[in-house]
Amino acid sequence: MSGYNNRTGIFELTWTKANYWFRRADVPAECREQKDMEFFACVLRHHGLNVLHVDGAFLKVKATPGQIWEALSGKPSDPEHEAYYTK
């Protein structure tokens, strides 16, 4: 399950959530050949986020939900929606 840990600042992102949030048309060239969670990790890294762990079905990233949303979607974060994950 995807979720943000307020204490550590780490978001555990599942493939399902990453795939749902991913809306970019501008995929970084270095990420185009990556598969599964490595693809999403590459996109997050390209946008300056610190990916700590990549597994087959999830990854851990030191970032807020809003930062992850912006990196994956290419759209601005909505503070009200982000609050859902940080409560």
PDB file of N, CA and C in Angstrom:
ATOM      1  N   MET A   1       0.843  -1.170   0.000  1.00  0.00           N
ATOM      2  CA  MET A   1       0.000   0.000   0.000  1.00  0.00           C
ATOM      3  C   MET A   1       0.895   1.244   0.000  1.00  0.00           C
ATOM      4  N   SER A   2       0.532   2.207  -0.819  1.00  0.00           N
ATOM      5  CA  SER A   2       1.265   3.469  -0.853  1.00  0.00           C
ATOM      6  C   SER A   2       0.978   4.258   0.407  1.00  0.00           C
ATOM      7  N   GLY A   3       1.973   4.998   0.856  1.00  0.00           N
ATOM      8  CA  GLY A   3       1.744   5.817   2.026  1.00  0.00           C
ATOM      9  C   GLY A   3       2.955   6.648   2.388  1.00  0.00           C
ATOM     10  N   TYR A   4       2.671   7.744   3.076  1.00  0.00           N
ATOM     11  CA  TYR A   4       3.691   8.693   3.502  1.00  0.00           C
ATOM     12  C   TYR A   4       3.892   8.586   5.001  1.00  0.00           C
ATOM     13  N   ASN A   5       5.146   8.531   5.423  1.00  0.00           N
ATOM     14  CA  ASN A   5       5.474   8.492   6.836  1.00  0.00           C
ATOM     15  C   ASN A   5       5.930   9.891   7.246  1.00  0.00           C
ATOM     16  N   ASN A   6       5.101  10.589   8.019  1.00  0.00           N
ATOM     17  CA  ASN A   6       5.428  11.954   8.460  1.00  0.00           C
ATOM     18  C   ASN A   6       6.711  12.011   9.281  1.00  0.00           C
ATOM     19  N   ARG A   7       6.989  10.974  10.024  1.00  0.00           N
ATOM     20  CA  ARG A   7       8.162  10.954  10.896  1.00  0.00           C
ATOM     21  C   ARG A   7       9.464  10.869  10.096  1.00  0.00           C
ATOM     22  N   THR A   8       9.482  10.030   9.052  1.00  0.00           N
ATOM     23  CA  THR A   8      10.705   9.826   8.281  1.00  0.00           C
ATOM     24  C   THR A   8      10.779  10.664   7.008  1.00  0.00           C
ATOM     25  N   GLY A   9       9.624  11.120   6.529  1.00  0.00           N
ATOM     26  CA  GLY A   9       9.592  11.854   5.268  1.00  0.00           C
ATOM     27  C   GLY A   9       9.717  10.950   4.054  1.00  0.00           C
ATOM     28  N   ILE A  10       9.459   9.656   4.264  1.00  0.00           N
ATOM     29  CA  ILE A  10       9.578   8.679   3.177  1.00  0.00           C
ATOM     30  C   ILE A  10       8.183   8.265   2.710  1.00  0.00           C
ATOM     31  N   PHE A  11       8.021   8.246   1.400  1.00  0.00           N
ATOM     32  CA  PHE A  11       6.785   7.782   0.789  1.00  0.00           C
ATOM     33  C   PHE A  11       7.051   6.427   0.159  1.00  0.00           C
ATOM     34  N   GLU A  12       6.248   5.436   0.521  1.00  0.00           N
ATOM     35  CA  GLU A  12       6.310   4.123  -0.119  1.00  0.00           C
ATOM     36  C   GLU A  12       5.272   4.129  -1.228  1.00  0.00           C
ATOM     37  N   LEU A  13       5.747   4.005  -2.444  1.00  0.00           N
ATOM     38  CA  LEU A  13       4.911   4.136  -3.632  1.00  0.00           C
ATOM     39  C   LEU A  13       4.760   2.789  -4.321  1.00  0.00           C
ATOM     40  N   THR A  14       3.530   2.328  -4.454  1.00  0.00           N
ATOM     41  CA  THR A  14       3.276   1.064  -5.153  1.00  0.00           C
ATOM     42  C   THR A  14       3.213   1.311  -6.657  1.00  0.00           C
ATOM     43  N   TRP A  15       3.356   0.239  -7.415  1.00  0.00           N
ATOM     44  CA  TRP A  15       3.253   0.335  -8.866  1.00  0.00           C
ATOM     45  C   TRP A  15       1.882   0.866  -9.264  1.00  0.00           C
ATOM     46  N   THR A  16       0.836   0.410  -8.587  1.00  0.00           N
ATOM     47  CA  THR A  16      -0.525   0.835  -8.923  1.00  0.00           C
ATOM     48  C   THR A  16      -0.674   2.340  -8.774  1.00  0.00           C
ATOM     49  N   LYS A  17      -0.208   2.902  -7.659  1.00  0.00           N
ATOM     50  CA  LYS A  17      -0.311   4.339  -7.424  1.00  0.00           C
ATOM     51  C   LYS A  17       0.571   5.105  -8.409  1.00  0.00           C
ATOM     52  N   ALA A  18       1.803   4.632  -8.617  1.00  0.00           N
ATOM     53  CA  ALA A  18       2.711   5.307  -9.559  1.00  0.00           C
ATOM     54  C   ALA A  18       2.105   5.335 -10.956  1.00  0.00           C
ATOM     55  N   ASN A  19       1.563   4.225 -11.394  1.00  0.00           N
ATOM     56  CA  ASN A  19       0.949   4.146 -12.714  1.00  0.00           C
ATOM     57  C   ASN A  19      -0.259   5.078 -12.824  1.00  0.00           C
ATOM     58  N   TYR A  20      -1.052   5.162 -11.754  1.00  0.00           N
ATOM     59  CA  TYR A  20      -2.231   6.042 -11.741  1.00  0.00           C
ATOM     60  C   TYR A  20      -1.824   7.509 -11.772  1.00  0.00           C
ATOM     61  N   TRP A  21      -0.767   7.873 -11.045  1.00  0.00           N
ATOM     62  CA  TRP A  21      -0.317   9.266 -10.991  1.00  0.00           C
ATOM     63  C   TRP A  21       0.465   9.680 -12.229  1.00  0.00           C
ATOM     64  N   PHE A  22       1.047   8.736 -12.953  1.00  0.00           N
ATOM     65  CA  PHE A  22       1.884   9.084 -14.096  1.00  0.00           C
ATOM     66  C   PHE A  22       1.025   9.594 -15.253  1.00  0.00           C
ATOM     67  N   ARG A  23       1.253  10.874 -15.627  1.00  0.00           N
ATOM     68  CA  ARG A  23       0.479  11.485 -16.710  1.00  0.00           C
ATOM     69  C   ARG A  23       1.360  12.292 -17.651  1.00  0.00           C
ATOM     70  N   ARG A  24       2.653  12.179 -17.494  1.00  0.00           N
ATOM     71  CA  ARG A  24       3.593  12.966 -18.296  1.00  0.00           C
ATOM     72  C   ARG A  24       3.598  12.522 -19.753  1.00  0.00           C
ATOM     73  N   ALA A  25       3.652  13.509 -20.628  1.00  0.00           N
ATOM     74  CA  ALA A  25       3.874  13.225 -22.042  1.00  0.00           C
ATOM     75  C   ALA A  25       5.369  13.312 -22.346  1.00  0.00           C
ATOM     76  N   ASP A  26       6.098  14.049 -21.510  1.00  0.00           N
ATOM     77  CA  ASP A  26       7.525  14.298 -21.721  1.00  0.00           C
ATOM     78  C   ASP A  26       8.378  13.351 -20.877  1.00  0.00           C
ATOM     79  N   VAL A  27       8.504  12.119 -21.333  1.00  0.00           N
ATOM     80  CA  VAL A  27       9.292  11.114 -20.614  1.00  0.00           C
ATOM     81  C   VAL A  27      10.779  11.392 -20.859  1.00  0.00           C
ATOM     82  N   PRO A  28      11.565  11.500 -19.793  1.00  0.00           N
ATOM     83  CA  PRO A  28      13.000  11.727 -19.969  1.00  0.00           C
ATOM     84  C   PRO A  28      13.634  10.609 -20.812  1.00  0.00           C
ATOM     85  N   ALA A  29      14.518  10.994 -21.703  1.00  0.00           N
ATOM     86  CA  ALA A  29      15.135  10.039 -22.626  1.00  0.00           C
ATOM     87  C   ALA A  29      15.781   8.870 -21.897  1.00  0.00           C
ATOM     88  N   GLU A  30      16.470   9.165 -20.770  1.00  0.00           N
ATOM     89  CA  GLU A  30      17.177   8.092 -20.055  1.00  0.00           C
ATOM     90  C   GLU A  30      16.230   7.102 -19.381  1.00  0.00           C
ATOM     91  N   CYS A  31      14.952   7.426 -19.309  1.00  0.00           N
ATOM     92  CA  CYS A  31      13.983   6.548 -18.635  1.00  0.00           C
ATOM     93  C   CYS A  31      13.168   5.690 -19.603  1.00  0.00           C
ATOM     94  N   ARG A  32      13.212   6.001 -20.867  1.00  0.00           N
ATOM     95  CA  ARG A  32      12.331   5.347 -21.851  1.00  0.00           C
ATOM     96  C   ARG A  32      12.517   3.845 -21.955  1.00  0.00           C
ATOM     97  N   GLU A  33      13.711   3.358 -21.716  1.00  0.00           N
ATOM     98  CA  GLU A  33      13.983   1.920 -21.831  1.00  0.00           C
ATOM     99  C   GLU A  33      13.802   1.168 -20.513  1.00  0.00           C
ATOM    100  N   GLN A  34      13.545   1.895 -19.434  1.00  0.00           N
ATOM    101  CA  GLN A  34      13.376   1.261 -18.116  1.00  0.00           C
ATOM    102  C   GLN A  34      12.018   0.572 -18.031  1.00  0.00           C
ATOM    103  N   LYS A  35      11.933  -0.440 -17.223  1.00  0.00           N
ATOM    104  CA  LYS A  35      10.694  -1.219 -17.050  1.00  0.00           C
ATOM    105  C   LYS A  35      10.200  -1.130 -15.614  1.00  0.00           C
ATOM    106  N   ASP A  36       8.896  -1.262 -15.464  1.00  0.00           N
ATOM    107  CA  ASP A  36       8.235  -1.384 -14.166  1.00  0.00           C
ATOM    108  C   ASP A  36       8.648  -0.277 -13.187  1.00  0.00           C
ATOM    109  N   MET A  37       9.014  -0.637 -11.968  1.00  0.00           N
ATOM    110  CA  MET A  37       9.325   0.372 -10.953  1.00  0.00           C
ATOM    111  C   MET A  37      10.616   1.116 -11.258  1.00  0.00           C
ATOM    112  N   GLU A  38      11.515   0.513 -12.006  1.00  0.00           N
ATOM    113  CA  GLU A  38      12.736   1.213 -12.408  1.00  0.00           C
ATOM    114  C   GLU A  38      12.397   2.421 -13.279  1.00  0.00           C
ATOM    115  N   PHE A  39      11.353   2.300 -14.093  1.00  0.00           N
ATOM    116  CA  PHE A  39      10.896   3.423 -14.913  1.00  0.00           C
ATOM    117  C   PHE A  39      10.462   4.585 -14.027  1.00  0.00           C
ATOM    118  N   PHE A  40       9.596   4.300 -13.054  1.00  0.00           N
ATOM    119  CA  PHE A  40       9.108   5.359 -12.171  1.00  0.00           C
ATOM    120  C   PHE A  40      10.240   5.936 -11.321  1.00  0.00           C
ATOM    121  N   ALA A  41      11.139   5.088 -10.862  1.00  0.00           N
ATOM    122  CA  ALA A  41      12.299   5.567 -10.094  1.00  0.00           C
ATOM    123  C   ALA A  41      13.148   6.496 -10.940  1.00  0.00           C
ATOM    124  N   CYS A  42      13.345   6.164 -12.190  1.00  0.00           N
ATOM    125  CA  CYS A  42      14.132   7.001 -13.102  1.00  0.00           C
ATOM    126  C   CYS A  42      13.476   8.371 -13.277  1.00  0.00           C
ATOM    127  N   VAL A  43      12.167   8.385 -13.470  1.00  0.00           N
ATOM    128  CA  VAL A  43      11.443   9.657 -13.628  1.00  0.00           C
ATOM    129  C   VAL A  43      11.579  10.502 -12.358  1.00  0.00           C
ATOM    130  N   LEU A  44      11.403   9.875 -11.209  1.00  0.00           N
ATOM    131  CA  LEU A  44      11.523  10.608  -9.947  1.00  0.00           C
ATOM    132  C   LEU A  44      12.927  11.166  -9.769  1.00  0.00           C
ATOM    133  N   ARG A  45      13.939  10.368 -10.055  1.00  0.00           N
ATOM    134  CA  ARG A  45      15.325  10.840  -9.950  1.00  0.00           C
ATOM    135  C   ARG A  45      15.592  11.977 -10.922  1.00  0.00           C
ATOM    136  N   HIS A  46      15.076  11.847 -12.122  1.00  0.00           N
ATOM    137  CA  HIS A  46      15.262  12.888 -13.142  1.00  0.00           C
ATOM    138  C   HIS A  46      14.738  14.244 -12.639  1.00  0.00           C
ATOM    139  N   HIS A  47      13.702  14.191 -11.829  1.00  0.00           N
ATOM    140  CA  HIS A  47      13.099  15.404 -11.290  1.00  0.00           C
ATOM    141  C   HIS A  47      13.652  15.767  -9.913  1.00  0.00           C
ATOM    142  N   GLY A  48      14.802  15.188  -9.568  1.00  0.00           N
ATOM    143  CA  GLY A  48      15.539  15.594  -8.383  1.00  0.00           C
ATOM    144  C   GLY A  48      15.130  14.953  -7.076  1.00  0.00           C
ATOM    145  N   LEU A  49      14.325  13.902  -7.132  1.00  0.00           N
ATOM    146  CA  LEU A  49      13.891  13.259  -5.891  1.00  0.00           C
ATOM    147  C   LEU A  49      14.848  12.125  -5.523  1.00  0.00           C
ATOM    148  N   ASN A  50      14.959  11.880  -4.223  1.00  0.00           N
ATOM    149  CA  ASN A  50      15.886  10.895  -3.685  1.00  0.00           C
ATOM    150  C   ASN A  50      15.190   9.544  -3.517  1.00  0.00           C
ATOM    151  N   VAL A  51      15.383   8.663  -4.491  1.00  0.00           N
ATOM    152  CA  VAL A  51      14.803   7.317  -4.436  1.00  0.00           C
ATOM    153  C   VAL A  51      15.748   6.450  -3.606  1.00  0.00           C
ATOM    154  N   LEU A  52      15.220   5.891  -2.525  1.00  0.00           N
ATOM    155  CA  LEU A  52      16.028   5.138  -1.574  1.00  0.00           C
ATOM    156  C   LEU A  52      16.071   3.642  -1.851  1.00  0.00           C
ATOM    157  N   HIS A  53      14.986   3.105  -2.403  1.00  0.00           N
ATOM    158  CA  HIS A  53      14.882   1.657  -2.610  1.00  0.00           C
ATOM    159  C   HIS A  53      13.909   1.400  -3.753  1.00  0.00           C
ATOM    160  N   VAL A  54      14.262   0.446  -4.616  1.00  0.00           N
ATOM    161  CA  VAL A  54      13.373   0.049  -5.706  1.00  0.00           C
ATOM    162  C   VAL A  54      13.192  -1.457  -5.643  1.00  0.00           C
ATOM    163  N   ASP A  55      11.954  -1.883  -5.664  1.00  0.00           N
ATOM    164  CA  ASP A  55      11.590  -3.292  -5.627  1.00  0.00           C
ATOM    165  C   ASP A  55      10.705  -3.557  -6.840  1.00  0.00           C
ATOM    166  N   GLY A  56      10.336  -4.781  -7.052  1.00  0.00           N
ATOM    167  CA  GLY A  56       9.481  -5.122  -8.189  1.00  0.00           C
ATOM    168  C   GLY A  56       8.108  -4.495  -8.154  1.00  0.00           C
ATOM    169  N   ALA A  57       7.562  -4.269  -6.968  1.00  0.00           N
ATOM    170  CA  ALA A  57       6.195  -3.772  -6.852  1.00  0.00           C
ATOM    171  C   ALA A  57       6.071  -2.427  -6.141  1.00  0.00           C
ATOM    172  N   PHE A  58       7.174  -1.914  -5.586  1.00  0.00           N
ATOM    173  CA  PHE A  58       7.107  -0.631  -4.886  1.00  0.00           C
ATOM    174  C   PHE A  58       8.488   0.005  -4.837  1.00  0.00           C
ATOM    175  N   LEU A  59       8.488   1.270  -4.443  1.00  0.00           N
ATOM    176  CA  LEU A  59       9.748   1.956  -4.196  1.00  0.00           C
ATOM    177  C   LEU A  59       9.577   2.868  -2.997  1.00  0.00           C
ATOM    178  N   LYS A  60      10.702   3.282  -2.433  1.00  0.00           N
ATOM    179  CA  LYS A  60      10.709   4.226  -1.322  1.00  0.00           C
ATOM    180  C   LYS A  60      11.428   5.475  -1.791  1.00  0.00           C
ATOM    181  N   VAL A  61      10.802   6.620  -1.562  1.00  0.00           N
ATOM    182  CA  VAL A  61      11.372   7.885  -2.001  1.00  0.00           C
ATOM    183  C   VAL A  61      11.260   8.903  -0.879  1.00  0.00           C
ATOM    184  N   LYS A  62      12.340   9.630  -0.635  1.00  0.00           N
ATOM    185  CA  LYS A  62      12.355  10.671   0.405  1.00  0.00           C
ATOM    186  C   LYS A  62      11.777  11.932  -0.226  1.00  0.00           C
ATOM    187  N   ALA A  63      10.451  12.048  -0.173  1.00  0.00           N
ATOM    188  CA  ALA A  63       9.747  13.166  -0.792  1.00  0.00           C
ATOM    189  C   ALA A  63       8.319  13.209  -0.278  1.00  0.00           C
ATOM    190  N   THR A  64       7.727  14.370  -0.386  1.00  0.00           N
ATOM    191  CA  THR A  64       6.327  14.518  -0.001  1.00  0.00           C
ATOM    192  C   THR A  64       5.433  13.980  -1.114  1.00  0.00           C
ATOM    193  N   PRO A  65       4.188  13.673  -0.796  1.00  0.00           N
ATOM    194  CA  PRO A  65       3.265  13.234  -1.838  1.00  0.00           C
ATOM    195  C   PRO A  65       3.134  14.265  -2.963  1.00  0.00           C
ATOM    196  N   GLY A  66       3.147  15.548  -2.612  1.00  0.00           N
ATOM    197  CA  GLY A  66       3.039  16.598  -3.626  1.00  0.00           C
ATOM    198  C   GLY A  66       4.219  16.610  -4.573  1.00  0.00           C
ATOM    199  N   GLN A  67       5.412  16.413  -4.054  1.00  0.00           N
ATOM    200  CA  GLN A  67       6.604  16.371  -4.902  1.00  0.00           C
ATOM    201  C   GLN A  67       6.546  15.183  -5.859  1.00  0.00           C
ATOM    202  N   ILE A  68       6.079  14.059  -5.365  1.00  0.00           N
ATOM    203  CA  ILE A  68       5.974  12.858  -6.195  1.00  0.00           C
ATOM    204  C   ILE A  68       4.916  13.067  -7.273  1.00  0.00           C
ATOM    205  N   TRP A  69       3.766  13.608  -6.879  1.00  0.00           N
ATOM    206  CA  TRP A  69       2.703  13.901  -7.839  1.00  0.00           C
ATOM    207  C   TRP A  69       3.217  14.800  -8.962  1.00  0.00           C
ATOM    208  N   GLU A  70       3.913  15.869  -8.599  1.00  0.00           N
ATOM    209  CA  GLU A  70       4.406  16.809  -9.610  1.00  0.00           C
ATOM    210  C   GLU A  70       5.411  16.143 -10.547  1.00  0.00           C
ATOM    211  N   ALA A  71       6.290  15.303 -10.011  1.00  0.00           N
ATOM    212  CA  ALA A  71       7.285  14.617 -10.841  1.00  0.00           C
ATOM    213  C   ALA A  71       6.620  13.612 -11.787  1.00  0.00           C
ATOM    214  N   LEU A  72       5.638  12.876 -11.293  1.00  0.00           N
ATOM    215  CA  LEU A  72       5.003  11.853 -12.117  1.00  0.00           C
ATOM    216  C   LEU A  72       3.938  12.400 -13.063  1.00  0.00           C
ATOM    217  N   SER A  73       3.227  13.407 -12.626  1.00  0.00           N
ATOM    218  CA  SER A  73       2.117  13.908 -13.445  1.00  0.00           C
ATOM    219  C   SER A  73       2.497  15.086 -14.328  1.00  0.00           C
ATOM    220  N   GLY A  74       3.485  15.869 -13.883  1.00  0.00           N
ATOM    221  CA  GLY A  74       3.810  17.089 -14.604  1.00  0.00           C
ATOM    222  C   GLY A  74       2.836  18.214 -14.317  1.00  0.00           C
ATOM    223  N   LYS A  75       2.012  18.026 -13.291  1.00  0.00           N
ATOM    224  CA  LYS A  75       0.997  19.020 -12.912  1.00  0.00           C
ATOM    225  C   LYS A  75       1.265  19.504 -11.498  1.00  0.00           C
ATOM    226  N   PRO A  76       0.817  20.711 -11.170  1.00  0.00           N
ATOM    227  CA  PRO A  76       1.027  21.231  -9.814  1.00  0.00           C
ATOM    228  C   PRO A  76       0.293  20.403  -8.760  1.00  0.00           C
ATOM    229  N   SER A  77       0.885  20.357  -7.591  1.00  0.00           N
ATOM    230  CA  SER A  77       0.273  19.650  -6.472  1.00  0.00           C
ATOM    231  C   SER A  77      -0.889  20.457  -5.909  1.00  0.00           C
ATOM    232  N   ASP A  78      -1.896  19.755  -5.432  1.00  0.00           N
ATOM    233  CA  ASP A  78      -3.048  20.372  -4.775  1.00  0.00           C
ATOM    234  C   ASP A  78      -2.876  20.147  -3.271  1.00  0.00           C
ATOM    235  N   PRO A  79      -2.683  21.227  -2.492  1.00  0.00           N
ATOM    236  CA  PRO A  79      -2.451  21.061  -1.049  1.00  0.00           C
ATOM    237  C   PRO A  79      -3.550  20.278  -0.334  1.00  0.00           C
ATOM    238  N   GLU A  80      -4.795  20.422  -0.761  1.00  0.00           N
ATOM    239  CA  GLU A  80      -5.885  19.670  -0.127  1.00  0.00           C
ATOM    240  C   GLU A  80      -5.745  18.168  -0.401  1.00  0.00           C
ATOM    241  N   HIS A  81      -5.366  17.819  -1.620  1.00  0.00           N
ATOM    242  CA  HIS A  81      -5.187  16.404  -1.942  1.00  0.00           C
ATOM    243  C   HIS A  81      -3.967  15.843  -1.230  1.00  0.00           C
ATOM    244  N   GLU A  82      -2.895  16.642  -1.159  1.00  0.00           N
ATOM    245  CA  GLU A  82      -1.687  16.195  -0.457  1.00  0.00           C
ATOM    246  C   GLU A  82      -1.970  15.951   1.024  1.00  0.00           C
ATOM    247  N   ALA A  83      -2.834  16.764   1.615  1.00  0.00           N
ATOM    248  CA  ALA A  83      -3.163  16.618   3.035  1.00  0.00           C
ATOM    249  C   ALA A  83      -3.766  15.239   3.331  1.00  0.00           C
ATOM    250  N   TYR A  84      -4.424  14.633   2.349  1.00  0.00           N
ATOM    251  CA  TYR A  84      -4.985  13.295   2.519  1.00  0.00           C
ATOM    252  C   TYR A  84      -3.884  12.284   2.881  1.00  0.00           C
ATOM    253  N   TYR A  85      -2.709  12.461   2.290  1.00  0.00           N
ATOM    254  CA  TYR A  85      -1.605  11.531   2.509  1.00  0.00           C
ATOM    255  C   TYR A  85      -0.757  11.875   3.712  1.00  0.00           C
ATOM    256  N   THR A  86      -0.815  13.113   4.193  1.00  0.00           N
ATOM    257  CA  THR A  86       0.061  13.541   5.281  1.00  0.00           C
ATOM    258  C   THR A  86      -0.631  13.630   6.623  1.00  0.00           C
ATOM    259  N   LYS A  87      -1.886  13.240   6.683  1.00  0.00           N
ATOM    260  CA  LYS A  87      -2.609  13.335   7.965  1.00  0.00           C
ATOM    261  C   LYS A  87      -2.182  12.284   8.937  1.00  0.00           C
TER     262      LYS A  87
END
